[in-house]
């Protein structure tokens, strides 16, 4: 499963671990990605999405149909 959200497009962020002696090593912060299955009444089918937890809350707020419109506007195929 790739570490990017289908709704928001958020992906991993890169930076440095800095030790007490200030040695720097590369690291990455992955978003909290969760697989979810939603029923889409307008299409009469279930869809599977990989979403960040923030995107799950957004779908709860705006609804699955508006969220799908945003995903398709970004050019993602569902």
PDB file of N, CA and C in Angstrom:
ATOM      1  N   UNK A   1       0.847  -1.174   0.000  1.00  0.00           N
ATOM      2  CA  UNK A   1       0.000   0.000   0.000  1.00  0.00           C
ATOM      3  C   UNK A   1       0.892   1.237   0.000  1.00  0.00           C
ATOM      4  N   UNK A   2       0.726   2.118  -0.955  1.00  0.00           N
ATOM      5  CA  UNK A   2       1.544   3.312  -1.009  1.00  0.00           C
ATOM      6  C   UNK A   2       1.137   4.283   0.086  1.00  0.00           C
ATOM      7  N   UNK A   3       2.083   5.081   0.519  1.00  0.00           N
ATOM      8  CA  UNK A   3       1.849   5.970   1.651  1.00  0.00           C
ATOM      9  C   UNK A   3       1.349   7.326   1.166  1.00  0.00           C
ATOM     10  N   UNK A   4       0.249   7.331   0.415  1.00  0.00           N
ATOM     11  CA  UNK A   4      -0.361   8.611   0.060  1.00  0.00           C
ATOM     12  C   UNK A   4      -1.878   8.495   0.132  1.00  0.00           C
ATOM     13  N   UNK A   5      -2.512   9.614   0.425  1.00  0.00           N
ATOM     14  CA  UNK A   5      -3.960   9.670   0.604  1.00  0.00           C
ATOM     15  C   UNK A   5      -4.617   9.979  -0.742  1.00  0.00           C
ATOM     16  N   UNK A   6      -5.682   9.249  -1.070  1.00  0.00           N
ATOM     17  CA  UNK A   6      -6.354   9.464  -2.349  1.00  0.00           C
ATOM     18  C   UNK A   6      -7.190  10.735  -2.362  1.00  0.00           C
ATOM     19  N   UNK A   7      -7.645  11.212  -1.209  1.00  0.00           N
ATOM     20  CA  UNK A   7      -8.471  12.425  -1.177  1.00  0.00           C
ATOM     21  C   UNK A   7      -7.625  13.686  -1.091  1.00  0.00           C
ATOM     22  N   UNK A   8      -6.705  13.739  -0.148  1.00  0.00           N
ATOM     23  CA  UNK A   8      -5.929  14.958   0.063  1.00  0.00           C
ATOM     24  C   UNK A   8      -4.612  14.972  -0.703  1.00  0.00           C
ATOM     25  N   UNK A   9      -4.141  13.794  -1.118  1.00  0.00           N
ATOM     26  CA  UNK A   9      -2.875  13.725  -1.840  1.00  0.00           C
ATOM     27  C   UNK A   9      -1.650  13.812  -0.950  1.00  0.00           C
ATOM     28  N   UNK A  10      -1.864  13.844   0.363  1.00  0.00           N
ATOM     29  CA  UNK A  10      -0.735  13.963   1.279  1.00  0.00           C
ATOM     30  C   UNK A  10       0.119  12.701   1.209  1.00  0.00           C
ATOM     31  N   UNK A  11       1.428  12.896   1.242  1.00  0.00           N
ATOM     32  CA  UNK A  11       2.364  11.779   1.174  1.00  0.00           C
ATOM     33  C   UNK A  11       3.418  11.912   2.245  1.00  0.00           C
ATOM     34  N   UNK A  12       4.455  11.101   2.181  1.00  0.00           N
ATOM     35  CA  UNK A  12       5.504  11.166   3.192  1.00  0.00           C
ATOM     36  C   UNK A  12       6.273  12.482   3.115  1.00  0.00           C
ATOM     37  N   UNK A  13       6.794  12.910   4.271  1.00  0.00           N
ATOM     38  CA  UNK A  13       7.614  14.109   4.378  1.00  0.00           C
ATOM     39  C   UNK A  13       8.987  13.663   4.856  1.00  0.00           C
ATOM     40  N   UNK A  14      10.040  14.267   4.335  1.00  0.00           N
ATOM     41  CA  UNK A  14      11.399  13.844   4.644  1.00  0.00           C
ATOM     42  C   UNK A  14      12.108  14.905   5.466  1.00  0.00           C
ATOM     43  N   UNK A  15      13.032  14.446   6.305  1.00  0.00           N
ATOM     44  CA  UNK A  15      13.795  15.365   7.139  1.00  0.00           C
ATOM     45  C   UNK A  15      14.962  14.649   7.770  1.00  0.00           C
ATOM     46  N   UNK A  16      15.410  15.176   8.886  1.00  0.00           N
ATOM     47  CA  UNK A  16      16.580  14.632   9.570  1.00  0.00           C
ATOM     48  C   UNK A  16      16.252  14.238  10.998  1.00  0.00           C
ATOM     49  N   UNK A  17      16.853  13.123  11.452  1.00  0.00           N
ATOM     50  CA  UNK A  17      16.972  12.858  12.880  1.00  0.00           C
ATOM     51  C   UNK A  17      18.199  13.624  13.347  1.00  0.00           C
ATOM     52  N   UNK A  18      18.078  14.337  14.431  1.00  0.00           N
ATOM     53  CA  UNK A  18      19.221  15.066  14.967  1.00  0.00           C
ATOM     54  C   UNK A  18      19.501  14.517  16.358  1.00  0.00           C
ATOM     55  N   UNK A  19      20.684  13.933  16.527  1.00  0.00           N
ATOM     56  CA  UNK A  19      21.044  13.335  17.807  1.00  0.00           C
ATOM     57  C   UNK A  19      21.502  14.422  18.776  1.00  0.00           C
ATOM     58  N   UNK A  20      21.797  13.994  19.988  1.00  0.00           N
ATOM     59  CA  UNK A  20      22.274  14.922  21.015  1.00  0.00           C
ATOM     60  C   UNK A  20      23.579  15.590  20.581  1.00  0.00           C
ATOM     61  N   UNK A  21      24.418  14.848  19.845  1.00  0.00           N
ATOM     62  CA  UNK A  21      25.688  15.412  19.372  1.00  0.00           C
ATOM     63  C   UNK A  21      25.537  16.143  18.038  1.00  0.00           C
ATOM     64  N   UNK A  22      24.312  16.300  17.585  1.00  0.00           N
ATOM     65  CA  UNK A  22      23.948  16.990  16.330  1.00  0.00           C
ATOM     66  C   UNK A  22      24.359  16.255  15.064  1.00  0.00           C
ATOM     67  N   UNK A  23      24.557  14.931  15.149  1.00  0.00           N
ATOM     68  CA  UNK A  23      24.728  14.146  13.923  1.00  0.00           C
ATOM     69  C   UNK A  23      23.369  14.042  13.257  1.00  0.00           C
ATOM     70  N   UNK A  24      23.336  14.164  11.960  1.00  0.00           N
ATOM     71  CA  UNK A  24      22.065  14.150  11.235  1.00  0.00           C
ATOM     72  C   UNK A  24      21.973  12.924  10.334  1.00  0.00           C
ATOM     73  N   UNK A  25      20.867  12.213  10.430  1.00  0.00           N
ATOM     74  CA  UNK A  25      20.592  11.088   9.542  1.00  0.00           C
ATOM     75  C   UNK A  25      19.207  11.292   8.964  1.00  0.00           C
ATOM     76  N   UNK A  26      19.031  10.850   7.747  1.00  0.00           N
ATOM     77  CA  UNK A  26      17.760  11.070   7.052  1.00  0.00           C
ATOM     78  C   UNK A  26      16.663  10.193   7.641  1.00  0.00           C
ATOM     79  N   UNK A  27      15.449  10.707   7.637  1.00  0.00           N
ATOM     80  CA  UNK A  27      14.287   9.942   8.081  1.00  0.00           C
ATOM     81  C   UNK A  27      13.074  10.412   7.305  1.00  0.00           C
ATOM     82  N   UNK A  28      11.962   9.702   7.471  1.00  0.00           N
ATOM     83  CA  UNK A  28      10.728  10.129   6.818  1.00  0.00           C
ATOM     84  C   UNK A  28       9.557   9.953   7.759  1.00  0.00           C
ATOM     85  N   UNK A  29       8.591  10.850   7.619  1.00  0.00           N
ATOM     86  CA  UNK A  29       7.355  10.798   8.386  1.00  0.00           C
ATOM     87  C   UNK A  29       6.248  10.362   7.434  1.00  0.00           C
ATOM     88  N   UNK A  30       5.654   9.206   7.716  1.00  0.00           N
ATOM     89  CA  UNK A  30       4.561   8.713   6.881  1.00  0.00           C
ATOM     90  C   UNK A  30       3.231   9.217   7.425  1.00  0.00           C
ATOM     91  N   UNK A  31       2.289   9.555   6.540  1.00  0.00           N
ATOM     92  CA  UNK A  31       0.955   9.923   7.020  1.00  0.00           C
ATOM     93  C   UNK A  31       0.234   8.688   7.568  1.00  0.00           C
ATOM     94  N   UNK A  32      -0.763   8.915   8.390  1.00  0.00           N
ATOM     95  CA  UNK A  32      -1.535   7.820   8.985  1.00  0.00           C
ATOM     96  C   UNK A  32      -2.573   7.362   7.953  1.00  0.00           C
ATOM     97  N   UNK A  33      -2.190   6.406   7.115  1.00  0.00           N
ATOM     98  CA  UNK A  33      -3.026   5.931   6.009  1.00  0.00           C
ATOM     99  C   UNK A  33      -3.811   4.705   6.450  1.00  0.00           C
ATOM    100  N   UNK A  34      -5.119   4.715   6.183  1.00  0.00           N
ATOM    101  CA  UNK A  34      -6.005   3.621   6.554  1.00  0.00           C
ATOM    102  C   UNK A  34      -6.822   3.194   5.337  1.00  0.00           C
ATOM    103  N   UNK A  35      -6.972   1.894   5.095  1.00  0.00           N
ATOM    104  CA  UNK A  35      -7.868   1.449   4.025  1.00  0.00           C
ATOM    105  C   UNK A  35      -9.324   1.534   4.500  1.00  0.00           C
ATOM    106  N   UNK A  36     -10.206   2.040   3.652  1.00  0.00           N
ATOM    107  CA  UNK A  36     -11.621   2.154   4.004  1.00  0.00           C
ATOM    108  C   UNK A  36     -12.472   1.732   2.818  1.00  0.00           C
ATOM    109  N   UNK A  37     -13.641   1.166   3.129  1.00  0.00           N
ATOM    110  CA  UNK A  37     -14.598   0.768   2.106  1.00  0.00           C
ATOM    111  C   UNK A  37     -15.869   1.567   2.338  1.00  0.00           C
ATOM    112  N   UNK A  38     -16.353   2.242   1.295  1.00  0.00           N
ATOM    113  CA  UNK A  38     -17.549   3.084   1.396  1.00  0.00           C
ATOM    114  C   UNK A  38     -18.602   2.619   0.400  1.00  0.00           C
ATOM    115  N   UNK A  39     -19.855   2.695   0.809  1.00  0.00           N
ATOM    116  CA  UNK A  39     -20.981   2.445  -0.084  1.00  0.00           C
ATOM    117  C   UNK A  39     -21.331   3.764  -0.753  1.00  0.00           C
ATOM    118  N   UNK A  40     -21.394   3.738  -2.097  1.00  0.00           N
ATOM    119  CA  UNK A  40     -21.741   4.930  -2.860  1.00  0.00           C
ATOM    120  C   UNK A  40     -23.132   4.713  -3.427  1.00  0.00           C
ATOM    121  N   UNK A  41     -24.164   5.344  -2.835  1.00  0.00           N
ATOM    122  CA  UNK A  41     -25.542   5.102  -3.290  1.00  0.00           C
ATOM    123  C   UNK A  41     -25.780   5.543  -4.733  1.00  0.00           C
ATOM    124  N   UNK A  42     -25.133   6.641  -5.160  1.00  0.00           N
ATOM    125  CA  UNK A  42     -25.364   7.146  -6.517  1.00  0.00           C
ATOM    126  C   UNK A  42     -24.848   6.180  -7.580  1.00  0.00           C
ATOM    127  N   UNK A  43     -23.813   5.396  -7.249  1.00  0.00           N
ATOM    128  CA  UNK A  43     -23.263   4.430  -8.204  1.00  0.00           C
ATOM    129  C   UNK A  43     -23.731   3.010  -7.914  1.00  0.00           C
ATOM    130  N   UNK A  44     -24.334   2.805  -6.751  1.00  0.00           N
ATOM    131  CA  UNK A  44     -24.832   1.481  -6.383  1.00  0.00           C
ATOM    132  C   UNK A  44     -23.751   0.445  -6.172  1.00  0.00           C
ATOM    133  N   UNK A  45     -22.609   0.863  -5.625  1.00  0.00           N
ATOM    134  CA  UNK A  45     -21.509  -0.065  -5.413  1.00  0.00           C
ATOM    135  C   UNK A  45     -20.635   0.402  -4.257  1.00  0.00           C
ATOM    136  N   UNK A  46     -19.780  -0.508  -3.784  1.00  0.00           N
ATOM    137  CA  UNK A  46     -18.781  -0.180  -2.783  1.00  0.00           C
ATOM    138  C   UNK A  46     -17.509   0.273  -3.489  1.00  0.00           C
ATOM    139  N   UNK A  47     -16.763   1.174  -2.857  1.00  0.00           N
ATOM    140  CA  UNK A  47     -15.440   1.554  -3.355  1.00  0.00           C
ATOM    141  C   UNK A  47     -14.444   1.417  -2.216  1.00  0.00           C
ATOM    142  N   UNK A  48     -13.216   1.081  -2.556  1.00  0.00           N
ATOM    143  CA  UNK A  48     -12.138   0.998  -1.574  1.00  0.00           C
ATOM    144  C   UNK A  48     -11.210   2.192  -1.786  1.00  0.00           C
ATOM    145  N   UNK A  49     -10.906   2.875  -0.682  1.00  0.00           N
ATOM    146  CA  UNK A  49     -10.015   4.029  -0.731  1.00  0.00           C
ATOM    147  C   UNK A  49      -8.938   3.871   0.328  1.00  0.00           C
ATOM    148  N   UNK A  50      -7.750   4.399   0.045  1.00  0.00           N
ATOM    149  CA  UNK A  50      -6.718   4.515   1.068  1.00  0.00           C
ATOM    150  C   UNK A  50      -6.667   5.985   1.457  1.00  0.00           C
ATOM    151  N   UNK A  51      -7.009   6.258   2.720  1.00  0.00           N
ATOM    152  CA  UNK A  51      -7.211   7.628   3.172  1.00  0.00           C
ATOM    153  C   UNK A  51      -6.411   7.914   4.427  1.00  0.00           C
ATOM    154  N   UNK A  52      -6.024   9.174   4.579  1.00  0.00           N
ATOM    155  CA  UNK A  52      -5.462   9.605   5.850  1.00  0.00           C
ATOM    156  C   UNK A  52      -6.608   9.782   6.841  1.00  0.00           C
ATOM    157  N   UNK A  53      -6.274   9.805   8.109  1.00  0.00           N
ATOM    158  CA  UNK A  53      -7.324   9.942   9.117  1.00  0.00           C
ATOM    159  C   UNK A  53      -8.023  11.287   8.990  1.00  0.00           C
ATOM    160  N   UNK A  54      -7.319  12.313   8.574  1.00  0.00           N
ATOM    161  CA  UNK A  54      -7.941  13.615   8.339  1.00  0.00           C
ATOM    162  C   UNK A  54      -8.949  13.537   7.196  1.00  0.00           C
ATOM    163  N   UNK A  55      -8.635  12.776   6.156  1.00  0.00           N
ATOM    164  CA  UNK A  55      -9.548  12.623   5.024  1.00  0.00           C
ATOM    165  C   UNK A  55     -10.791  11.829   5.412  1.00  0.00           C
ATOM    166  N   UNK A  56     -10.648  10.866   6.328  1.00  0.00           N
ATOM    167  CA  UNK A  56     -11.810  10.113   6.804  1.00  0.00           C
ATOM    168  C   UNK A  56     -12.783  11.056   7.501  1.00  0.00           C
ATOM    169  N   UNK A  57     -12.248  11.967   8.326  1.00  0.00           N
ATOM    170  CA  UNK A  57     -13.096  12.958   8.993  1.00  0.00           C
ATOM    171  C   UNK A  57     -13.745  13.896   7.982  1.00  0.00           C
ATOM    172  N   UNK A  58     -13.023  14.232   6.919  1.00  0.00           N
ATOM    173  CA  UNK A  58     -13.567  15.103   5.875  1.00  0.00           C
ATOM    174  C   UNK A  58     -14.736  14.422   5.171  1.00  0.00           C
ATOM    175  N   UNK A  59     -14.617  13.131   4.868  1.00  0.00           N
ATOM    176  CA  UNK A  59     -15.703  12.397   4.227  1.00  0.00           C
ATOM    177  C   UNK A  59     -16.914  12.318   5.149  1.00  0.00           C
ATOM    178  N   UNK A  60     -16.672  12.137   6.458  1.00  0.00           N
ATOM    179  CA  UNK A  60     -17.780  12.140   7.408  1.00  0.00           C
ATOM    180  C   UNK A  60     -18.523  13.474   7.379  1.00  0.00           C
ATOM    181  N   UNK A  61     -17.799  14.544   7.133  1.00  0.00           N
ATOM    182  CA  UNK A  61     -18.393  15.885   7.152  1.00  0.00           C
ATOM    183  C   UNK A  61     -19.097  16.239   5.840  1.00  0.00           C
ATOM    184  N   UNK A  62     -18.421  16.003   4.685  1.00  0.00           N
ATOM    185  CA  UNK A  62     -18.979  16.464   3.401  1.00  0.00           C
ATOM    186  C   UNK A  62     -19.745  15.390   2.647  1.00  0.00           C
ATOM    187  N   UNK A  63     -19.543  14.131   2.979  1.00  0.00           N
ATOM    188  CA  UNK A  63     -20.228  13.046   2.286  1.00  0.00           C
ATOM    189  C   UNK A  63     -19.363  12.415   1.216  1.00  0.00           C
ATOM    190  N   UNK A  64     -19.685  11.182   0.884  1.00  0.00           N
ATOM    191  CA  UNK A  64     -18.861  10.411  -0.043  1.00  0.00           C
ATOM    192  C   UNK A  64     -18.973  10.922  -1.480  1.00  0.00           C
ATOM    193  N   UNK A  65     -20.153  11.426  -1.877  1.00  0.00           N
ATOM    194  CA  UNK A  65     -20.306  11.883  -3.264  1.00  0.00           C
ATOM    195  C   UNK A  65     -19.442  13.110  -3.551  1.00  0.00           C
ATOM    196  N   UNK A  66     -19.430  14.076  -2.640  1.00  0.00           N
ATOM    197  CA  UNK A  66     -18.588  15.264  -2.835  1.00  0.00           C
ATOM    198  C   UNK A  66     -17.112  14.898  -2.748  1.00  0.00           C
ATOM    199  N   UNK A  67     -16.779  13.946  -1.889  1.00  0.00           N
ATOM    200  CA  UNK A  67     -15.389  13.508  -1.772  1.00  0.00           C
ATOM    201  C   UNK A  67     -14.929  12.829  -3.067  1.00  0.00           C
ATOM    202  N   UNK A  68     -15.784  11.999  -3.651  1.00  0.00           N
ATOM    203  CA  UNK A  68     -15.433  11.352  -4.926  1.00  0.00           C
ATOM    204  C   UNK A  68     -15.239  12.379  -6.033  1.00  0.00           C
ATOM    205  N   UNK A  69     -16.055  13.431  -6.018  1.00  0.00           N
ATOM    206  CA  UNK A  69     -15.894  14.489  -7.013  1.00  0.00           C
ATOM    207  C   UNK A  69     -14.529  15.162  -6.866  1.00  0.00           C
ATOM    208  N   UNK A  70     -14.085  15.374  -5.627  1.00  0.00           N
ATOM    209  CA  UNK A  70     -12.759  15.967  -5.396  1.00  0.00           C
ATOM    210  C   UNK A  70     -11.643  15.036  -5.848  1.00  0.00           C
ATOM    211  N   UNK A  71     -11.800  13.741  -5.580  1.00  0.00           N
ATOM    212  CA  UNK A  71     -10.771  12.773  -5.984  1.00  0.00           C
ATOM    213  C   UNK A  71     -10.669  12.728  -7.505  1.00  0.00           C
ATOM    214  N   UNK A  72     -11.794  12.696  -8.161  1.00  0.00           N
ATOM    215  CA  UNK A  72     -11.788  12.647  -9.636  1.00  0.00           C
ATOM    216  C   UNK A  72     -11.273  13.949 -10.229  1.00  0.00           C
ATOM    217  N   UNK A  73     -11.501  15.082  -9.565  1.00  0.00           N
ATOM    218  CA  UNK A  73     -10.969  16.364 -10.037  1.00  0.00           C
ATOM    219  C   UNK A  73      -9.448  16.384  -9.965  1.00  0.00           C
ATOM    220  N   UNK A  74      -8.874  15.663  -9.007  1.00  0.00           N
ATOM    221  CA  UNK A  74      -7.425  15.558  -8.909  1.00  0.00           C
ATOM    222  C   UNK A  74      -6.837  14.641  -9.970  1.00  0.00           C
ATOM    223  N   UNK A  75      -7.695  13.897 -10.677  1.00  0.00           N
ATOM    224  CA  UNK A  75      -7.229  13.011 -11.741  1.00  0.00           C
ATOM    225  C   UNK A  75      -7.029  11.572 -11.327  1.00  0.00           C
ATOM    226  N   UNK A  76      -7.424  11.205 -10.107  1.00  0.00           N
ATOM    227  CA  UNK A  76      -7.302   9.817  -9.653  1.00  0.00           C
ATOM    228  C   UNK A  76      -8.438   8.996 -10.230  1.00  0.00           C
ATOM    229  N   UNK A  77      -8.120   7.783 -10.630  1.00  0.00           N
ATOM    230  CA  UNK A  77      -9.133   6.867 -11.158  1.00  0.00           C
ATOM    231  C   UNK A  77      -9.659   6.005 -10.002  1.00  0.00           C
ATOM    232  N   UNK A  78     -10.972   5.871  -9.928  1.00  0.00           N
ATOM    233  CA  UNK A  78     -11.578   5.082  -8.856  1.00  0.00           C
ATOM    234  C   UNK A  78     -12.341   3.924  -9.467  1.00  0.00           C
TER     235      UNK A  78
END
